N, C-alpha and C. Protein backbone atom coordinates (compact mmCIF):
# COMPACT_ATOMS: atom_id res chain seq x y z
N MET A 1 1.48 -26.22 15.64
CA MET A 1 0.47 -26.27 14.60
C MET A 1 0.53 -24.97 13.79
N PRO A 2 0.93 -24.99 12.53
CA PRO A 2 1.16 -23.77 11.77
C PRO A 2 -0.07 -22.93 11.51
N ASN A 3 -1.25 -23.51 11.40
CA ASN A 3 -2.45 -22.74 11.11
C ASN A 3 -3.29 -22.43 12.34
N ALA A 4 -2.76 -22.71 13.51
CA ALA A 4 -3.52 -22.48 14.73
C ALA A 4 -3.71 -20.98 14.96
N VAL A 5 -4.87 -20.61 15.47
CA VAL A 5 -5.16 -19.23 15.84
C VAL A 5 -5.07 -19.14 17.35
N HIS A 6 -4.20 -18.29 17.83
CA HIS A 6 -4.02 -18.14 19.26
C HIS A 6 -4.86 -16.96 19.74
N LEU A 7 -5.74 -17.20 20.68
CA LEU A 7 -6.57 -16.14 21.21
C LEU A 7 -5.80 -15.35 22.26
N PRO A 8 -5.99 -14.03 22.28
CA PRO A 8 -5.36 -13.23 23.32
C PRO A 8 -5.86 -13.66 24.69
N ALA A 9 -5.09 -13.34 25.71
CA ALA A 9 -5.43 -13.74 27.08
C ALA A 9 -6.79 -13.20 27.51
N HIS A 10 -7.21 -12.07 26.96
CA HIS A 10 -8.47 -11.45 27.35
C HIS A 10 -9.69 -12.16 26.78
N GLY A 11 -9.48 -13.14 25.93
CA GLY A 11 -10.59 -13.86 25.33
C GLY A 11 -11.15 -13.18 24.09
N ALA A 12 -10.57 -12.06 23.69
CA ALA A 12 -11.02 -11.37 22.49
C ALA A 12 -10.61 -12.19 21.26
N PRO A 13 -11.37 -12.08 20.19
CA PRO A 13 -11.00 -12.84 19.00
C PRO A 13 -9.65 -12.39 18.46
N ALA A 14 -8.92 -13.32 17.90
CA ALA A 14 -7.60 -13.03 17.34
C ALA A 14 -7.75 -12.18 16.08
N VAL A 15 -6.78 -11.34 15.84
CA VAL A 15 -6.75 -10.54 14.63
C VAL A 15 -5.99 -11.34 13.57
N ARG A 16 -6.64 -11.58 12.46
CA ARG A 16 -6.00 -12.33 11.38
C ARG A 16 -5.37 -11.35 10.39
N PRO A 17 -4.18 -11.66 9.91
CA PRO A 17 -3.57 -10.80 8.89
C PRO A 17 -4.43 -10.77 7.63
N VAL A 18 -4.52 -9.59 7.03
CA VAL A 18 -5.29 -9.39 5.81
C VAL A 18 -4.31 -9.15 4.66
N PRO A 19 -4.34 -10.01 3.63
CA PRO A 19 -3.43 -9.80 2.50
C PRO A 19 -3.90 -8.65 1.61
N ALA A 20 -2.96 -7.80 1.23
CA ALA A 20 -3.28 -6.66 0.38
C ALA A 20 -2.10 -6.40 -0.55
N ALA A 21 -2.38 -5.67 -1.62
CA ALA A 21 -1.34 -5.34 -2.60
C ALA A 21 -1.31 -3.83 -2.80
N VAL A 22 -0.11 -3.30 -3.01
CA VAL A 22 0.04 -1.88 -3.33
C VAL A 22 0.80 -1.76 -4.64
N ALA A 23 0.45 -0.72 -5.40
CA ALA A 23 1.07 -0.47 -6.70
C ALA A 23 2.13 0.61 -6.56
N VAL A 24 3.34 0.29 -6.98
CA VAL A 24 4.45 1.25 -6.98
C VAL A 24 4.68 1.64 -8.44
N VAL A 25 4.28 2.87 -8.77
CA VAL A 25 4.38 3.35 -10.15
C VAL A 25 5.39 4.50 -10.18
N ILE A 26 6.48 4.29 -10.92
CA ILE A 26 7.50 5.32 -11.08
C ILE A 26 7.55 5.70 -12.55
N ARG A 27 7.48 7.02 -12.78
CA ARG A 27 7.45 7.53 -14.16
C ARG A 27 8.20 8.86 -14.23
N GLU A 28 9.17 8.92 -15.07
CA GLU A 28 9.91 10.17 -15.31
C GLU A 28 10.43 10.80 -14.02
N GLY A 29 11.01 9.98 -13.16
CA GLY A 29 11.61 10.48 -11.92
C GLY A 29 10.61 10.85 -10.84
N ARG A 30 9.37 10.38 -10.98
CA ARG A 30 8.33 10.66 -9.98
C ARG A 30 7.62 9.36 -9.61
N VAL A 31 7.08 9.32 -8.40
CA VAL A 31 6.33 8.16 -7.93
C VAL A 31 4.90 8.62 -7.63
N LEU A 32 3.95 7.76 -7.91
CA LEU A 32 2.54 8.07 -7.66
C LEU A 32 2.17 7.65 -6.25
N LEU A 33 1.67 8.61 -5.46
CA LEU A 33 1.21 8.33 -4.10
C LEU A 33 -0.20 8.85 -3.92
N VAL A 34 -0.93 8.24 -2.98
CA VAL A 34 -2.28 8.69 -2.63
C VAL A 34 -2.31 9.04 -1.15
N ARG A 35 -3.16 10.01 -0.81
CA ARG A 35 -3.37 10.34 0.60
C ARG A 35 -4.57 9.52 1.07
N ARG A 36 -4.32 8.66 2.03
CA ARG A 36 -5.32 7.70 2.51
C ARG A 36 -6.47 8.40 3.24
N ALA A 37 -7.67 7.92 2.99
CA ALA A 37 -8.85 8.45 3.67
C ALA A 37 -9.19 7.65 4.93
N ASN A 38 -8.81 6.38 4.94
CA ASN A 38 -9.23 5.48 6.03
C ASN A 38 -8.03 4.93 6.79
N PRO A 39 -8.28 4.53 8.06
CA PRO A 39 -7.21 3.88 8.83
C PRO A 39 -6.86 2.53 8.21
N PRO A 40 -5.70 2.02 8.40
CA PRO A 40 -4.64 2.72 9.13
C PRO A 40 -3.99 3.78 8.24
N ASN A 41 -3.31 4.69 8.84
CA ASN A 41 -2.56 5.74 8.13
C ASN A 41 -3.43 6.75 7.41
N ALA A 42 -4.64 7.00 7.92
CA ALA A 42 -5.51 8.01 7.33
C ALA A 42 -4.79 9.36 7.31
N GLY A 43 -4.90 10.05 6.18
CA GLY A 43 -4.28 11.36 6.03
C GLY A 43 -2.84 11.33 5.57
N ARG A 44 -2.22 10.17 5.59
CA ARG A 44 -0.82 10.06 5.17
C ARG A 44 -0.73 9.63 3.70
N TRP A 45 0.42 9.93 3.11
CA TRP A 45 0.68 9.56 1.72
C TRP A 45 1.32 8.18 1.65
N GLY A 46 0.80 7.36 0.76
CA GLY A 46 1.34 6.02 0.56
C GLY A 46 0.99 5.54 -0.84
N PHE A 47 1.27 4.31 -1.09
CA PHE A 47 1.01 3.73 -2.41
C PHE A 47 -0.47 3.38 -2.55
N PRO A 48 -1.04 3.52 -3.76
CA PRO A 48 -2.40 3.05 -3.97
C PRO A 48 -2.45 1.54 -3.78
N GLY A 49 -3.49 1.06 -3.16
CA GLY A 49 -3.60 -0.38 -2.96
C GLY A 49 -4.76 -0.74 -2.06
N GLY A 50 -4.92 -2.04 -1.87
CA GLY A 50 -6.01 -2.51 -1.02
C GLY A 50 -6.03 -4.03 -0.95
N LYS A 51 -7.09 -4.53 -0.38
CA LYS A 51 -7.22 -5.96 -0.13
C LYS A 51 -7.23 -6.77 -1.43
N ILE A 52 -6.64 -7.95 -1.33
CA ILE A 52 -6.67 -8.90 -2.43
C ILE A 52 -7.98 -9.68 -2.33
N GLU A 53 -8.74 -9.69 -3.41
CA GLU A 53 -10.02 -10.40 -3.43
C GLU A 53 -9.78 -11.90 -3.61
N PRO A 54 -10.69 -12.75 -3.10
CA PRO A 54 -10.53 -14.20 -3.29
C PRO A 54 -10.38 -14.55 -4.77
N GLY A 55 -9.38 -15.36 -5.07
CA GLY A 55 -9.13 -15.79 -6.44
C GLY A 55 -8.34 -14.80 -7.27
N GLU A 56 -8.04 -13.64 -6.73
CA GLU A 56 -7.31 -12.60 -7.45
C GLU A 56 -5.81 -12.74 -7.18
N THR A 57 -5.00 -12.56 -8.19
CA THR A 57 -3.56 -12.61 -7.98
C THR A 57 -3.09 -11.31 -7.33
N ILE A 58 -1.90 -11.35 -6.75
CA ILE A 58 -1.31 -10.16 -6.14
C ILE A 58 -1.18 -9.06 -7.19
N GLU A 59 -0.67 -9.41 -8.36
CA GLU A 59 -0.46 -8.44 -9.42
C GLU A 59 -1.77 -7.82 -9.89
N ALA A 60 -2.80 -8.66 -10.07
CA ALA A 60 -4.11 -8.16 -10.51
C ALA A 60 -4.71 -7.23 -9.47
N ALA A 61 -4.54 -7.55 -8.20
CA ALA A 61 -5.07 -6.69 -7.13
C ALA A 61 -4.39 -5.33 -7.15
N ALA A 62 -3.08 -5.30 -7.34
CA ALA A 62 -2.35 -4.03 -7.37
C ALA A 62 -2.83 -3.16 -8.53
N VAL A 63 -2.98 -3.75 -9.70
CA VAL A 63 -3.42 -3.00 -10.89
C VAL A 63 -4.86 -2.52 -10.72
N ARG A 64 -5.74 -3.38 -10.18
CA ARG A 64 -7.14 -3.00 -9.96
C ARG A 64 -7.24 -1.85 -8.97
N GLU A 65 -6.56 -1.97 -7.83
CA GLU A 65 -6.62 -0.92 -6.81
C GLU A 65 -6.06 0.40 -7.33
N LEU A 66 -4.99 0.32 -8.11
CA LEU A 66 -4.41 1.52 -8.72
C LEU A 66 -5.46 2.24 -9.57
N ALA A 67 -6.15 1.50 -10.42
CA ALA A 67 -7.18 2.09 -11.28
C ALA A 67 -8.34 2.65 -10.46
N GLU A 68 -8.78 1.90 -9.43
CA GLU A 68 -9.90 2.36 -8.60
C GLU A 68 -9.57 3.64 -7.84
N GLU A 69 -8.35 3.75 -7.34
CA GLU A 69 -8.00 4.88 -6.48
C GLU A 69 -7.46 6.08 -7.23
N THR A 70 -6.96 5.88 -8.47
CA THR A 70 -6.30 6.99 -9.17
C THR A 70 -6.71 7.16 -10.63
N SER A 71 -7.42 6.21 -11.20
CA SER A 71 -7.76 6.19 -12.63
C SER A 71 -6.54 5.99 -13.53
N VAL A 72 -5.39 5.69 -12.96
CA VAL A 72 -4.18 5.42 -13.74
C VAL A 72 -4.18 3.95 -14.14
N ARG A 73 -3.80 3.70 -15.39
CA ARG A 73 -3.69 2.32 -15.88
C ARG A 73 -2.22 1.93 -15.93
N ALA A 74 -1.94 0.70 -15.54
CA ALA A 74 -0.56 0.21 -15.54
C ALA A 74 -0.56 -1.30 -15.67
N ASP A 75 0.60 -1.83 -16.03
CA ASP A 75 0.83 -3.28 -16.05
C ASP A 75 1.72 -3.64 -14.87
N ALA A 76 1.42 -4.75 -14.23
CA ALA A 76 2.27 -5.24 -13.15
C ALA A 76 3.56 -5.78 -13.74
N ASP A 77 4.68 -5.41 -13.14
CA ASP A 77 5.99 -5.86 -13.62
C ASP A 77 6.56 -6.95 -12.73
N ARG A 78 6.70 -6.67 -11.44
CA ARG A 78 7.29 -7.65 -10.52
C ARG A 78 6.93 -7.31 -9.08
N VAL A 79 6.95 -8.33 -8.24
CA VAL A 79 6.79 -8.12 -6.80
C VAL A 79 8.12 -7.61 -6.27
N LEU A 80 8.05 -6.51 -5.50
CA LEU A 80 9.26 -5.91 -4.93
C LEU A 80 9.57 -6.44 -3.54
N THR A 81 8.56 -6.41 -2.68
CA THR A 81 8.77 -6.76 -1.27
C THR A 81 7.41 -6.93 -0.60
N ALA A 82 7.44 -7.39 0.62
CA ALA A 82 6.23 -7.47 1.45
C ALA A 82 6.55 -6.81 2.79
N PHE A 83 5.53 -6.21 3.40
CA PHE A 83 5.73 -5.56 4.70
C PHE A 83 4.42 -5.57 5.47
N ASP A 84 4.53 -5.38 6.77
CA ASP A 84 3.37 -5.41 7.66
C ASP A 84 2.93 -4.00 8.02
N VAL A 85 1.62 -3.81 8.15
CA VAL A 85 1.05 -2.58 8.71
C VAL A 85 0.18 -3.02 9.87
N LEU A 86 0.57 -2.59 11.06
CA LEU A 86 -0.14 -2.96 12.28
C LEU A 86 -0.87 -1.73 12.81
N HIS A 87 -2.15 -1.89 13.14
CA HIS A 87 -2.96 -0.79 13.66
C HIS A 87 -3.41 -1.17 15.07
N HIS A 88 -3.07 -0.33 16.04
CA HIS A 88 -3.42 -0.59 17.44
C HIS A 88 -4.45 0.43 17.91
N ASP A 89 -5.28 0.03 18.87
CA ASP A 89 -6.22 0.98 19.45
C ASP A 89 -5.49 1.81 20.51
N GLU A 90 -6.23 2.71 21.16
CA GLU A 90 -5.62 3.60 22.15
C GLU A 90 -5.04 2.84 23.33
N GLY A 91 -5.55 1.64 23.60
CA GLY A 91 -5.03 0.82 24.69
C GLY A 91 -3.84 -0.02 24.29
N GLY A 92 -3.41 0.10 23.03
CA GLY A 92 -2.25 -0.65 22.57
C GLY A 92 -2.57 -2.03 22.02
N ARG A 93 -3.86 -2.39 21.96
CA ARG A 93 -4.24 -3.70 21.43
C ARG A 93 -4.25 -3.67 19.91
N LEU A 94 -3.78 -4.75 19.34
CA LEU A 94 -3.78 -4.89 17.89
C LEU A 94 -5.22 -5.04 17.40
N VAL A 95 -5.63 -4.17 16.48
CA VAL A 95 -6.99 -4.24 15.94
C VAL A 95 -7.01 -4.61 14.46
N ARG A 96 -5.91 -4.34 13.75
CA ARG A 96 -5.81 -4.72 12.34
C ARG A 96 -4.36 -5.05 12.00
N HIS A 97 -4.20 -6.03 11.14
CA HIS A 97 -2.88 -6.42 10.68
C HIS A 97 -2.98 -6.68 9.18
N PHE A 98 -2.35 -5.82 8.40
CA PHE A 98 -2.30 -6.00 6.96
C PHE A 98 -0.92 -6.50 6.56
N VAL A 99 -0.87 -7.46 5.66
CA VAL A 99 0.38 -7.89 5.04
C VAL A 99 0.31 -7.34 3.61
N LEU A 100 1.13 -6.33 3.36
CA LEU A 100 1.10 -5.65 2.07
C LEU A 100 2.22 -6.15 1.17
N VAL A 101 1.86 -6.44 -0.06
CA VAL A 101 2.83 -6.86 -1.06
C VAL A 101 2.97 -5.71 -2.07
N ALA A 102 4.17 -5.17 -2.17
CA ALA A 102 4.44 -4.06 -3.08
C ALA A 102 4.77 -4.61 -4.47
N VAL A 103 4.02 -4.13 -5.47
CA VAL A 103 4.19 -4.59 -6.85
C VAL A 103 4.64 -3.40 -7.71
N LEU A 104 5.78 -3.54 -8.34
CA LEU A 104 6.24 -2.52 -9.27
C LEU A 104 5.37 -2.59 -10.52
N CYS A 105 4.81 -1.45 -10.91
CA CYS A 105 3.91 -1.39 -12.07
C CYS A 105 4.44 -0.39 -13.09
N LYS A 106 4.24 -0.70 -14.36
CA LYS A 106 4.65 0.19 -15.44
C LYS A 106 3.44 0.99 -15.92
N TRP A 107 3.57 2.31 -15.84
CA TRP A 107 2.51 3.23 -16.25
C TRP A 107 2.16 3.00 -17.72
N ILE A 108 0.85 2.95 -18.01
CA ILE A 108 0.37 2.84 -19.39
C ILE A 108 -0.28 4.15 -19.81
N ALA A 109 -1.24 4.63 -18.98
CA ALA A 109 -1.99 5.83 -19.35
C ALA A 109 -2.68 6.42 -18.13
N GLY A 110 -3.05 7.68 -18.27
CA GLY A 110 -3.85 8.35 -17.26
C GLY A 110 -3.04 9.23 -16.33
N GLU A 111 -3.71 10.27 -15.87
CA GLU A 111 -3.15 11.14 -14.84
C GLU A 111 -3.97 10.93 -13.58
N PRO A 112 -3.35 11.02 -12.42
CA PRO A 112 -4.04 10.67 -11.18
C PRO A 112 -5.21 11.58 -10.84
N VAL A 113 -6.33 10.93 -10.53
CA VAL A 113 -7.52 11.59 -10.02
C VAL A 113 -7.95 10.77 -8.81
N ALA A 114 -7.99 11.38 -7.65
CA ALA A 114 -8.34 10.65 -6.43
C ALA A 114 -9.76 10.12 -6.50
N ALA A 115 -9.92 8.86 -6.13
CA ALA A 115 -11.23 8.22 -6.12
C ALA A 115 -11.22 7.13 -5.06
N ASP A 116 -12.34 6.46 -4.90
CA ASP A 116 -12.49 5.37 -3.94
C ASP A 116 -12.12 5.88 -2.55
N ASP A 117 -11.13 5.27 -1.88
CA ASP A 117 -10.79 5.72 -0.52
C ASP A 117 -9.53 6.58 -0.48
N ALA A 118 -9.17 7.20 -1.61
CA ALA A 118 -8.05 8.13 -1.66
C ALA A 118 -8.57 9.56 -1.59
N LEU A 119 -8.00 10.37 -0.70
CA LEU A 119 -8.38 11.78 -0.60
C LEU A 119 -7.71 12.62 -1.69
N ASP A 120 -6.54 12.19 -2.10
CA ASP A 120 -5.77 12.92 -3.10
C ASP A 120 -4.83 11.93 -3.77
N ALA A 121 -4.40 12.24 -4.97
CA ALA A 121 -3.44 11.41 -5.70
C ALA A 121 -2.52 12.34 -6.47
N GLN A 122 -1.20 12.15 -6.28
CA GLN A 122 -0.24 13.04 -6.92
C GLN A 122 1.05 12.31 -7.25
N TRP A 123 1.76 12.87 -8.22
CA TRP A 123 3.12 12.42 -8.52
C TRP A 123 4.07 13.19 -7.60
N PHE A 124 5.01 12.49 -6.98
CA PHE A 124 6.03 13.09 -6.12
C PHE A 124 7.39 12.86 -6.76
N ARG A 125 8.20 13.90 -6.81
CA ARG A 125 9.56 13.75 -7.34
C ARG A 125 10.38 12.87 -6.40
N LEU A 126 11.08 11.91 -6.97
CA LEU A 126 11.88 10.98 -6.15
C LEU A 126 12.91 11.73 -5.32
N VAL A 127 13.52 12.76 -5.88
CA VAL A 127 14.56 13.49 -5.16
C VAL A 127 14.02 14.27 -3.96
N ASP A 128 12.70 14.49 -3.91
CA ASP A 128 12.10 15.24 -2.80
C ASP A 128 11.65 14.35 -1.65
N LEU A 129 11.65 13.03 -1.83
CA LEU A 129 11.18 12.13 -0.77
C LEU A 129 12.21 12.06 0.34
N ASP A 130 11.70 12.09 1.59
CA ASP A 130 12.57 12.10 2.76
C ASP A 130 11.99 11.18 3.83
N ASP A 131 12.84 10.28 4.34
CA ASP A 131 12.41 9.35 5.40
C ASP A 131 11.79 10.04 6.60
N SER A 132 12.21 11.25 6.88
CA SER A 132 11.74 11.94 8.08
C SER A 132 10.44 12.72 7.86
N ASP A 133 9.90 12.68 6.65
CA ASP A 133 8.66 13.41 6.36
C ASP A 133 7.49 12.72 7.05
N PRO A 134 6.85 13.38 8.03
CA PRO A 134 5.75 12.75 8.78
C PRO A 134 4.49 12.53 7.95
N ARG A 135 4.42 13.13 6.77
CA ARG A 135 3.24 12.94 5.91
C ARG A 135 3.26 11.61 5.20
N LEU A 136 4.43 10.96 5.13
CA LEU A 136 4.57 9.71 4.39
C LEU A 136 4.38 8.50 5.29
N ASN A 137 3.74 7.47 4.75
CA ASN A 137 3.66 6.20 5.46
C ASN A 137 5.07 5.64 5.65
N VAL A 138 5.21 4.85 6.70
CA VAL A 138 6.46 4.15 6.94
C VAL A 138 6.76 3.26 5.73
N ASP A 139 7.99 3.12 5.37
CA ASP A 139 8.48 2.25 4.30
C ASP A 139 8.34 2.83 2.90
N VAL A 140 7.67 3.97 2.71
CA VAL A 140 7.50 4.51 1.36
C VAL A 140 8.86 4.79 0.71
N VAL A 141 9.72 5.51 1.41
CA VAL A 141 11.00 5.90 0.82
C VAL A 141 11.86 4.66 0.55
N ARG A 142 11.88 3.73 1.49
CA ARG A 142 12.67 2.50 1.31
C ARG A 142 12.20 1.73 0.07
N ILE A 143 10.90 1.60 -0.08
CA ILE A 143 10.35 0.84 -1.21
C ILE A 143 10.59 1.58 -2.53
N VAL A 144 10.46 2.90 -2.52
CA VAL A 144 10.73 3.68 -3.73
C VAL A 144 12.19 3.52 -4.15
N ARG A 145 13.09 3.56 -3.19
CA ARG A 145 14.52 3.38 -3.52
C ARG A 145 14.76 2.01 -4.14
N ASP A 146 14.14 0.99 -3.56
CA ASP A 146 14.29 -0.36 -4.10
C ASP A 146 13.69 -0.43 -5.51
N ALA A 147 12.52 0.16 -5.68
CA ALA A 147 11.84 0.12 -6.98
C ALA A 147 12.63 0.85 -8.05
N SER A 148 13.25 1.95 -7.69
CA SER A 148 13.97 2.74 -8.70
C SER A 148 15.19 2.01 -9.25
N ARG A 149 15.66 0.99 -8.54
CA ARG A 149 16.76 0.17 -9.06
C ARG A 149 16.28 -0.75 -10.20
N HIS A 150 14.96 -0.96 -10.27
CA HIS A 150 14.39 -1.87 -11.27
C HIS A 150 13.73 -1.14 -12.44
N THR A 151 13.79 0.19 -12.43
CA THR A 151 13.11 0.93 -13.51
C THR A 151 14.10 1.47 -14.51
C-alpha cells in the first residue's frame, strides 16, 4: 500500500516527511547562504528556505522563503535536485524528516539581511566553499557545483 503509514515498533507516531524548498542564488561568483537558527542544522550555513505551504508551488515557496529570511528578491529559474534532511534525537530515533527541493533562483534585487529564522545571511565566494567545512550543511557544496553549471 503506497500511502500506508508504518508505526515504529515502540508504538510512537510515525514521522511524516515534510516538503520544503530552498533557494539557491548565485551572483557574480558568490552564493547566498544563511546561518540557521533552528534545528535541524542550527548554527550551520545553508540555503534560505522552509516549508511549502498548502497550495503553494515549489518555486513560489523558494522565492517566498528567500525574501522572508534575507530580504533578497529573486525569480525561480529551475528545480535543481531534491534531498533529505533527517533529524534524530539523542537516542537515535527519527524526530523530523524534511524533503528539500533545491530551486535555482535568479537574483533581482536586495542585499542579504538576516530575518525570520536566519541568524545571519551572507554571500560566499564559490571558490572558497569546501566539502570538509563543518560550518556548512551537508550537500551545500554539491548543490552549488550543480547550480553553477546552469548559471
